[in-house]
Amino acid sequence: TIFSRRFVYTDNSCLSMIHFLYRENTLEANFVFRSTNVDKTFKYDLKFSHYITGEIYKMLGLVKKKNPAVMRFTLNSAHVVW
């Protein structure tokens, strides 16, 4: 619920952590990528991140309130190939 302190998901995959917080009427979604290929796969990571944030937003009933959401990304090992 919006009264929960936080929701955290961790894994040893490339998307290693997702942290959702609801503070001051704003949903904050923090994503940590252990590794990602910026050119070839990060666009899919962004789409998934947007999707899961939207699902949490709906689950918390924020659609009716039209509250803002902020998404932050940390790329620990971003593979950029030219």
Protein backbone atom coordinates (compact mmCIF):
# COMPACT_ATOMS: atom_id res chain seq x y z
CA THR A 1 0.00 0.00 0.00
CA ILE A 2 1.04 3.64 -0.11
CA PHE A 3 1.55 3.35 3.66
CA SER A 4 4.32 0.79 3.28
CA ARG A 5 7.84 1.96 3.95
CA ARG A 6 9.22 0.54 0.70
CA PHE A 7 9.30 -2.31 -1.79
CA VAL A 8 12.68 -3.79 -2.74
CA TYR A 9 13.47 -6.51 -5.29
CA THR A 10 16.99 -7.91 -5.59
CA ASP A 11 18.52 -10.54 -7.86
CA ASN A 12 21.92 -11.53 -9.21
CA SER A 13 20.82 -10.90 -12.80
CA CYS A 14 21.71 -7.81 -14.85
CA LEU A 15 18.81 -5.93 -13.25
CA SER A 16 20.09 -6.38 -9.73
CA MET A 17 17.78 -4.13 -7.71
CA ILE A 18 14.45 -2.32 -7.93
CA HIS A 19 13.46 -0.04 -5.07
CA PHE A 20 10.05 1.64 -4.95
CA LEU A 21 9.20 4.34 -2.42
CA TYR A 22 6.14 6.54 -2.03
CA ARG A 23 7.15 9.84 -0.46
CA GLU A 24 5.51 13.26 -0.45
CA ASN A 25 2.81 12.12 -2.92
CA THR A 26 5.41 10.92 -5.44
CA LEU A 27 6.23 7.36 -6.47
CA GLU A 28 10.01 6.96 -6.67
CA ALA A 29 11.35 4.02 -8.68
CA ASN A 30 15.07 3.31 -8.43
CA PHE A 31 16.65 0.73 -10.74
CA VAL A 32 20.20 -0.62 -10.42
CA PHE A 33 21.65 -2.51 -13.36
CA ARG A 34 24.69 -4.59 -12.58
CA SER A 35 25.46 -4.78 -16.27
CA THR A 36 23.81 -3.69 -19.51
CA ASN A 37 24.62 -3.35 -23.17
CA VAL A 38 23.60 0.25 -23.79
CA ASP A 39 23.42 -0.06 -27.58
CA LYS A 40 21.59 -3.38 -27.94
CA THR A 41 19.58 -4.21 -24.83
CA PHE A 42 19.17 -1.17 -22.57
CA LYS A 43 16.11 -0.01 -24.55
CA TYR A 44 14.37 -3.23 -23.45
CA ASP A 45 15.46 -2.64 -19.87
CA LEU A 46 13.93 0.85 -20.04
CA LYS A 47 10.67 -0.52 -21.45
CA PHE A 48 10.47 -3.13 -18.69
CA SER A 49 11.29 -0.51 -16.04
CA HIS A 50 8.55 1.76 -17.36
CA TYR A 51 6.08 -1.15 -17.44
CA ILE A 52 6.78 -2.34 -13.88
CA THR A 53 6.64 1.23 -12.55
CA GLY A 54 3.26 1.66 -14.25
CA GLU A 55 1.96 -1.54 -12.68
CA ILE A 56 3.03 -0.44 -9.20
CA TYR A 57 1.54 3.00 -9.87
CA LYS A 58 -1.80 1.38 -10.72
CA MET A 59 -1.64 -1.05 -7.77
CA LEU A 60 -1.18 1.86 -5.35
CA GLY A 61 -4.19 3.68 -6.83
CA LEU A 62 -2.15 6.68 -7.92
CA VAL A 63 -3.85 6.91 -11.34
CA LYS A 64 -6.93 8.51 -9.81
CA LYS A 65 -4.80 10.99 -7.88
CA LYS A 66 -2.57 11.77 -10.89
CA ASN A 67 0.47 11.78 -8.62
CA PRO A 68 3.89 12.10 -10.24
CA ALA A 69 6.37 9.26 -10.59
CA VAL A 70 10.15 9.61 -10.76
CA MET A 71 12.36 6.90 -12.25
CA ARG A 72 16.11 6.80 -11.55
CA PHE A 73 18.66 4.49 -13.14
CA THR A 74 22.11 3.40 -12.03
CA LEU A 75 24.20 1.55 -14.62
CA ASN A 76 27.14 -0.01 -12.78
CA SER A 77 28.71 -1.55 -15.88
CA ALA A 78 27.37 0.07 -19.03
CA HIS A 79 28.75 -1.60 -22.14
CA VAL A 80 29.12 1.01 -24.87
CA VAL A 81 30.51 -0.30 -28.17
CA TRP A 82 31.20 2.06 -31.09
